[in-house]
C-alpha atoms as a PDB file:
ATOM      1  CA  MET A   1      31.035  74.923 -15.987  1.00  0.00           C
ATOM      2  CA  LYS A   2      29.774  78.303 -17.130  1.00  0.00           C
ATOM      3  CA  LYS A   3      28.673  79.356 -13.658  1.00  0.00           C
ATOM      4  CA  ILE A   4      32.049  78.473 -12.191  1.00  0.00           C
ATOM      5  CA  LEU A   5      33.955  80.336 -14.906  1.00  0.00           C
ATOM      6  CA  LEU A   6      31.616  83.293 -14.507  1.00  0.00           C
ATOM      7  CA  LEU A   7      32.208  83.447 -10.761  1.00  0.00           C
ATOM      8  CA  LEU A   8      35.937  83.103 -11.289  1.00  0.00           C
ATOM      9  CA  VAL A   9      36.122  86.006 -13.746  1.00  0.00           C
ATOM     10  CA  ILE A  10      33.871  88.238 -11.626  1.00  0.00           C
ATOM     11  CA  ALA A  11      35.990  87.539  -8.538  1.00  0.00           C
ATOM     12  CA  VAL A  12      39.208  88.365 -10.382  1.00  0.00           C
ATOM     13  CA  VAL A  13      37.846  91.586 -11.887  1.00  0.00           C
ATOM     14  CA  ALA A  14      36.363  92.715  -8.590  1.00  0.00           C
ATOM     15  CA  LYS A  15      39.666  92.056  -6.804  1.00  0.00           C
ATOM     16  CA  PHE A  16      41.715  93.922  -9.425  1.00  0.00           C
ATOM     17  CA  GLY A  17      39.250  96.813  -9.449  1.00  0.00           C
ATOM     18  CA  TRP A  18      39.251  97.165  -5.678  1.00  0.00           C
ATOM     19  CA  GLU A  19      43.033  96.989  -5.431  1.00  0.00           C
ATOM     20  CA  GLY A  20      43.329  99.496  -8.281  1.00  0.00           C
ATOM     21  CA  TYR A  21      41.356 102.069  -6.334  1.00  0.00           C
ATOM     22  CA  ARG A  22      43.844 101.783  -3.488  1.00  0.00           C
ATOM     23  CA  LYS A  23      46.947 102.205  -5.655  1.00  0.00           C
ATOM     24  CA  LYS A  24      48.668 105.488  -6.359  1.00  0.00           C
ATOM     25  CA  GLU A  25      50.352 104.550  -9.634  1.00  0.00           C
ATOM     26  CA  ASN A  26      47.503 105.159 -12.057  1.00  0.00           C
ATOM     27  CA  PRO A  27      48.667 107.076 -15.109  1.00  0.00           C
ATOM     28  CA  VAL A  28      46.047 108.028 -17.666  1.00  0.00           C
ATOM     29  CA  VAL A  29      48.126 106.346 -20.384  1.00  0.00           C
ATOM     30  CA  ILE A  30      50.163 103.220 -19.697  1.00  0.00           C
ATOM     31  CA  GLU A  31      53.191 103.903 -21.888  1.00  0.00           C
ATOM     32  CA  ASN A  32      55.371 100.821 -21.278  1.00  0.00           C
ATOM     33  CA  PRO A  33      52.952  98.103 -20.223  1.00  0.00           C
ATOM     34  CA  VAL A  34      53.950  94.834 -18.658  1.00  0.00           C
ATOM     35  CA  TYR A  35      51.479  92.058 -19.418  1.00  0.00           C
ATOM     36  CA  GLY A  36      50.344  89.529 -16.869  1.00  0.00           C
ATOM     37  CA  GLU A  37      49.439  86.189 -18.412  1.00  0.00           C
ATOM     38  CA  THR A  38      47.869  83.571 -16.164  1.00  0.00           C
ATOM     39  CA  ARG A  39      46.813  80.224 -17.589  1.00  0.00           C
ATOM     40  CA  VAL A  40      44.402  77.959 -15.749  1.00  0.00           C
ATOM     41  CA  LYS A  41      43.406  74.379 -16.583  1.00  0.00           C
ATOM     42  CA  LEU A  42      39.820  73.481 -15.802  1.00  0.00           C
ATOM     43  CA  GLY A  43      38.558  69.918 -15.872  1.00  0.00           C
ATOM     44  CA  ILE A  44      34.795  69.734 -16.083  1.00  0.00           C
ATOM     45  CA  GLY A  45      32.626  66.744 -16.958  1.00  0.00           C
ATOM     46  CA  GLY A  46      35.455  64.779 -18.518  1.00  0.00           C
ATOM     47  CA  ARG A  47      36.556  67.732 -20.643  1.00  0.00           C
ATOM     48  CA  GLU A  48      39.576  69.934 -20.186  1.00  0.00           C
ATOM     49  CA  PHE A  49      39.674  73.657 -20.898  1.00  0.00           C
ATOM     50  CA  GLU A  50      42.362  76.276 -20.691  1.00  0.00           C
ATOM     51  CA  GLY A  51      41.401  79.737 -19.516  1.00  0.00           C
ATOM     52  CA  VAL A  52      43.817  82.619 -19.981  1.00  0.00           C
ATOM     53  CA  MET A  53      43.619  86.008 -18.257  1.00  0.00           C
ATOM     54  CA  PHE A  54      45.727  88.826 -19.701  1.00  0.00           C
ATOM     55  CA  VAL A  55      46.178  92.090 -17.787  1.00  0.00           C
ATOM     56  CA  ARG A  56      47.935  95.235 -19.054  1.00  0.00           C
ATOM     57  CA  ASN A  57      49.898  96.552 -16.037  1.00  0.00           C
ATOM     58  CA  VAL A  58      51.819  99.760 -15.358  1.00  0.00           C
ATOM     59  CA  SER A  59      54.991  98.030 -14.152  1.00  0.00           C
ATOM     60  CA  GLU A  60      56.706  94.727 -13.478  1.00  0.00           C
ATOM     61  CA  ALA A  61      56.018  95.130  -9.751  1.00  0.00           C
ATOM     62  CA  GLU A  62      52.316  95.722 -10.330  1.00  0.00           C
ATOM     63  CA  CYS A  63      52.190  92.739 -12.688  1.00  0.00           C
ATOM     64  CA  ARG A  64      53.769  90.411 -10.118  1.00  0.00           C
ATOM     65  CA  SER A  65      51.359  91.694  -7.462  1.00  0.00           C
ATOM     66  CA  ASN A  66      48.309  91.224  -9.698  1.00  0.00           C
ATOM     67  CA  ASN A  67      49.420  87.744 -10.800  1.00  0.00           C
ATOM     68  CA  GLY A  68      49.790  86.813  -7.118  1.00  0.00           C
ATOM     69  CA  LYS A  69      46.258  88.037  -6.394  1.00  0.00           C
ATOM     70  CA  PHE A  70      44.877  86.014  -9.293  1.00  0.00           C
ATOM     71  CA  THR A  71      46.693  82.923  -8.019  1.00  0.00           C
ATOM     72  CA  GLY A  72      45.270  83.534  -4.526  1.00  0.00           C
ATOM     73  CA  ILE A  73      41.743  83.852  -5.897  1.00  0.00           C
ATOM     74  CA  ILE A  74      42.083  80.563  -7.795  1.00  0.00           C
ATOM     75  CA  ASP A  75      43.566  78.802  -4.756  1.00  0.00           C
ATOM     76  CA  LYS A  76      40.753  80.038  -2.479  1.00  0.00           C
ATOM     77  CA  SER A  77      37.915  79.578  -4.956  1.00  0.00           C
ATOM     78  CA  SER A  78      35.411  76.784  -4.749  1.00  0.00           C
ATOM     79  CA  CYS A  79      36.867  74.218  -7.112  1.00  0.00           C
ATOM     80  CA  GLU A  80      35.298  71.087  -5.685  1.00  0.00           C
ATOM     81  CA  LYS A  81      33.272  70.502  -8.851  1.00  0.00           C
ATOM     82  CA  VAL A  82      36.045  71.632 -11.163  1.00  0.00           C
ATOM     83  CA  ASN A  83      39.625  70.538 -11.278  1.00  0.00           C
ATOM     84  CA  CYS A  84      41.270  73.999 -11.204  1.00  0.00           C
ATOM     85  CA  LYS A  85      44.998  74.251 -11.633  1.00  0.00           C
ATOM     86  CA  ILE A  86      47.192  77.222 -12.438  1.00  0.00           C
ATOM     87  CA  VAL A  87      49.477  76.154 -15.246  1.00  0.00           C
ATOM     88  CA  SER A  88      51.557  79.307 -15.447  1.00  0.00           C
ATOM     89  CA  SER A  89      51.576  82.898 -14.300  1.00  0.00           C
ATOM     90  CA  GLU A  90      54.144  85.275 -15.698  1.00  0.00           C
ATOM     91  CA  CYS A  91      54.865  88.886 -16.554  1.00  0.00           C
ATOM     92  CA  LYS A  92      56.039  89.857 -20.025  1.00  0.00           C
ATOM     93  CA  PRO A  93      57.113  93.145 -21.604  1.00  0.00           C
ATOM     94  CA  GLU A  94      55.156  92.104 -24.687  1.00  0.00           C
ATOM     95  CA  LEU A  95      52.752  89.404 -25.788  1.00  0.00           C
ATOM     96  CA  THR A  96      52.968  87.081 -28.750  1.00  0.00           C
ATOM     97  CA  ALA A  97      51.437  88.554 -31.911  1.00  0.00           C
ATOM     98  CA  ARG A  98      48.438  86.233 -31.520  1.00  0.00           C
ATOM     99  CA  ASN A  99      47.725  87.359 -27.961  1.00  0.00           C
ATOM    100  CA  ALA A 100      48.553  91.033 -28.571  1.00  0.00           C
ATOM    101  CA  ARG A 101      45.704  91.126 -31.105  1.00  0.00           C
ATOM    102  CA  LEU A 102      43.302  90.491 -28.221  1.00  0.00           C
ATOM    103  CA  PHE A 103      44.097  93.998 -26.919  1.00  0.00           C
ATOM    104  CA  ASP A 104      43.113  95.349 -30.349  1.00  0.00           C
ATOM    105  CA  ASN A 105      39.786  93.512 -29.920  1.00  0.00           C
ATOM    106  CA  GLU A 106      40.384  91.430 -33.024  1.00  0.00           C
ATOM    107  CA  PRO A 107      38.285  88.258 -33.408  1.00  0.00           C
ATOM    108  CA  THR A 108      39.828  84.841 -32.882  1.00  0.00           C
ATOM    109  CA  HIS A 109      38.323  81.408 -33.513  1.00  0.00           C
ATOM    110  CA  VAL A 110      36.434  81.631 -30.180  1.00  0.00           C
ATOM    111  CA  SER A 111      34.693  84.543 -28.466  1.00  0.00           C
ATOM    112  CA  TYR A 112      36.406  86.239 -25.522  1.00  0.00           C
ATOM    113  CA  VAL A 113      35.789  88.928 -22.905  1.00  0.00           C
ATOM    114  CA  SER A 114      37.356  92.350 -23.275  1.00  0.00           C
ATOM    115  CA  LEU A 115      37.371  94.613 -20.216  1.00  0.00           C
ATOM    116  CA  ALA A 116      38.148  98.236 -20.999  1.00  0.00           C
ATOM    117  CA  ARG A 117      40.091 100.578 -18.764  1.00  0.00           C
ATOM    118  CA  THR A 118      37.358 103.093 -18.026  1.00  0.00           C
ATOM    119  CA  GLN A 119      39.190 104.741 -15.112  1.00  0.00           C
ATOM    120  CA  PRO A 120      42.904 105.221 -14.366  1.00  0.00           C
ATOM    121  CA  GLU A 121      42.574 102.902 -11.354  1.00  0.00           C
ATOM    122  CA  LEU A 122      41.452  99.984 -13.500  1.00  0.00           C
ATOM    123  CA  ARG A 123      43.539  97.785 -15.750  1.00  0.00           C
ATOM    124  CA  GLU A 124      42.615  96.565 -19.204  1.00  0.00           C
ATOM    125  CA  MET A 125      42.006  92.803 -19.253  1.00  0.00           C
ATOM    126  CA  ARG A 126      41.139  89.998 -21.627  1.00  0.00           C
ATOM    127  CA  PHE A 127      39.801  86.562 -20.728  1.00  0.00           C
ATOM    128  CA  ILE A 128      39.638  83.722 -23.231  1.00  0.00           C
ATOM    129  CA  VAL A 129      38.849  80.028 -22.871  1.00  0.00           C
ATOM    130  CA  TRP A 130      40.422  77.575 -25.303  1.00  0.00           C
ATOM    131  CA  GLY A 131      38.983  74.120 -25.934  1.00  0.00           C
ATOM    132  CA  VAL A 132      35.356  75.215 -26.319  1.00  0.00           C
ATOM    133  CA  SER A 133      33.163  75.529 -29.377  1.00  0.00           C
ATOM    134  CA  VAL A 134      32.183  78.900 -30.844  1.00  0.00           C
ATOM    135  CA  ALA A 135      28.665  78.463 -29.452  1.00  0.00           C
ATOM    136  CA  GLU A 136      30.027  77.635 -25.978  1.00  0.00           C
ATOM    137  CA  SER A 137      32.395  80.613 -26.078  1.00  0.00           C
ATOM    138  CA  ASP A 138      29.545  82.919 -27.163  1.00  0.00           C
ATOM    139  CA  ASP A 139      27.369  81.686 -24.299  1.00  0.00           C
ATOM    140  CA  LEU A 140      30.170  81.945 -21.755  1.00  0.00           C
ATOM    141  CA  CYS A 141      31.043  85.461 -22.907  1.00  0.00           C
ATOM    142  CA  LYS A 142      27.417  86.612 -22.623  1.00  0.00           C
ATOM    143  CA  ARG A 143      27.139  85.186 -19.111  1.00  0.00           C
ATOM    144  CA  ILE A 144      30.361  86.823 -17.961  1.00  0.00           C
ATOM    145  CA  ILE A 145      29.531  90.302 -19.242  1.00  0.00           C
ATOM    146  CA  SER A 146      26.060  90.181 -17.710  1.00  0.00           C
ATOM    147  CA  GLY A 147      27.596  90.134 -14.218  1.00  0.00           C
ATOM    148  CA  SER A 148      26.831  93.434 -12.504  1.00  0.00           C
ATOM    149  CA  ALA A 149      30.230  93.447 -10.765  1.00  0.00           C
ATOM    150  CA  LEU A 150      31.844  93.916 -14.173  1.00  0.00           C
ATOM    151  CA  GLN A 151      29.850  96.943 -15.300  1.00  0.00           C
ATOM    152  CA  ILE A 152      32.414  99.448 -14.029  1.00  0.00           C
ATOM    153  CA  ALA A 153      34.911  98.000 -16.541  1.00  0.00           C
ATOM    154  CA  LYS A 154      32.470  98.018 -19.488  1.00  0.00           C
ATOM    155  CA  PRO A 155      32.895  94.397 -20.548  1.00  0.00           C
ATOM    156  CA  THR A 156      32.417  93.477 -24.173  1.00  0.00           C
ATOM    157  CA  CYS A 157      32.217  90.182 -25.989  1.00  0.00           C
ATOM    158  CA  ILE A 158      34.537  90.015 -28.938  1.00  0.00           C
ATOM    159  CA  HIS A 159      32.778  87.417 -31.026  1.00  0.00           C
ATOM    160  CA  ALA A 160      34.578  84.703 -32.922  1.00  0.00           C
ATOM    161  CA  ALA A 161      35.407  85.258 -36.556  1.00  0.00           C
ATOM    162  CA  ARG A 162      32.864  83.453 -38.678  1.00  0.00           C
END
């Protein structure tokens, strides 16, 4: 499970990073962000998990484009061992209070990955998996941030509140 989630997150971040370098709309400060929220159900070993990727975008158009890329990555990924299914993918002018706190790097009841926007071409992202224990979320977070493809975005684990 952890390897598959790790590969999934690395593929998404690499795709967003590469596309970001090719875009012209890269303000230093994103003043009126539009948030992409993509939810994925993963069935592994008789258990079901929900992964959520949040991306802070410059515009509605960029959000729709990025959500489409994420959907394409999931559809093309190797999900033979995991039952992958996109539950929803939408763009929002603001997040719920609970999810907005993720962009303030506030702890939740599980650990999650925070990817900073270290360059104007990159977009700030959060990735959280619901339905796992604190220990599982800690382990998953450590594995994800150790991926060398993510180093350009300076990934951080925001550990669960204890």
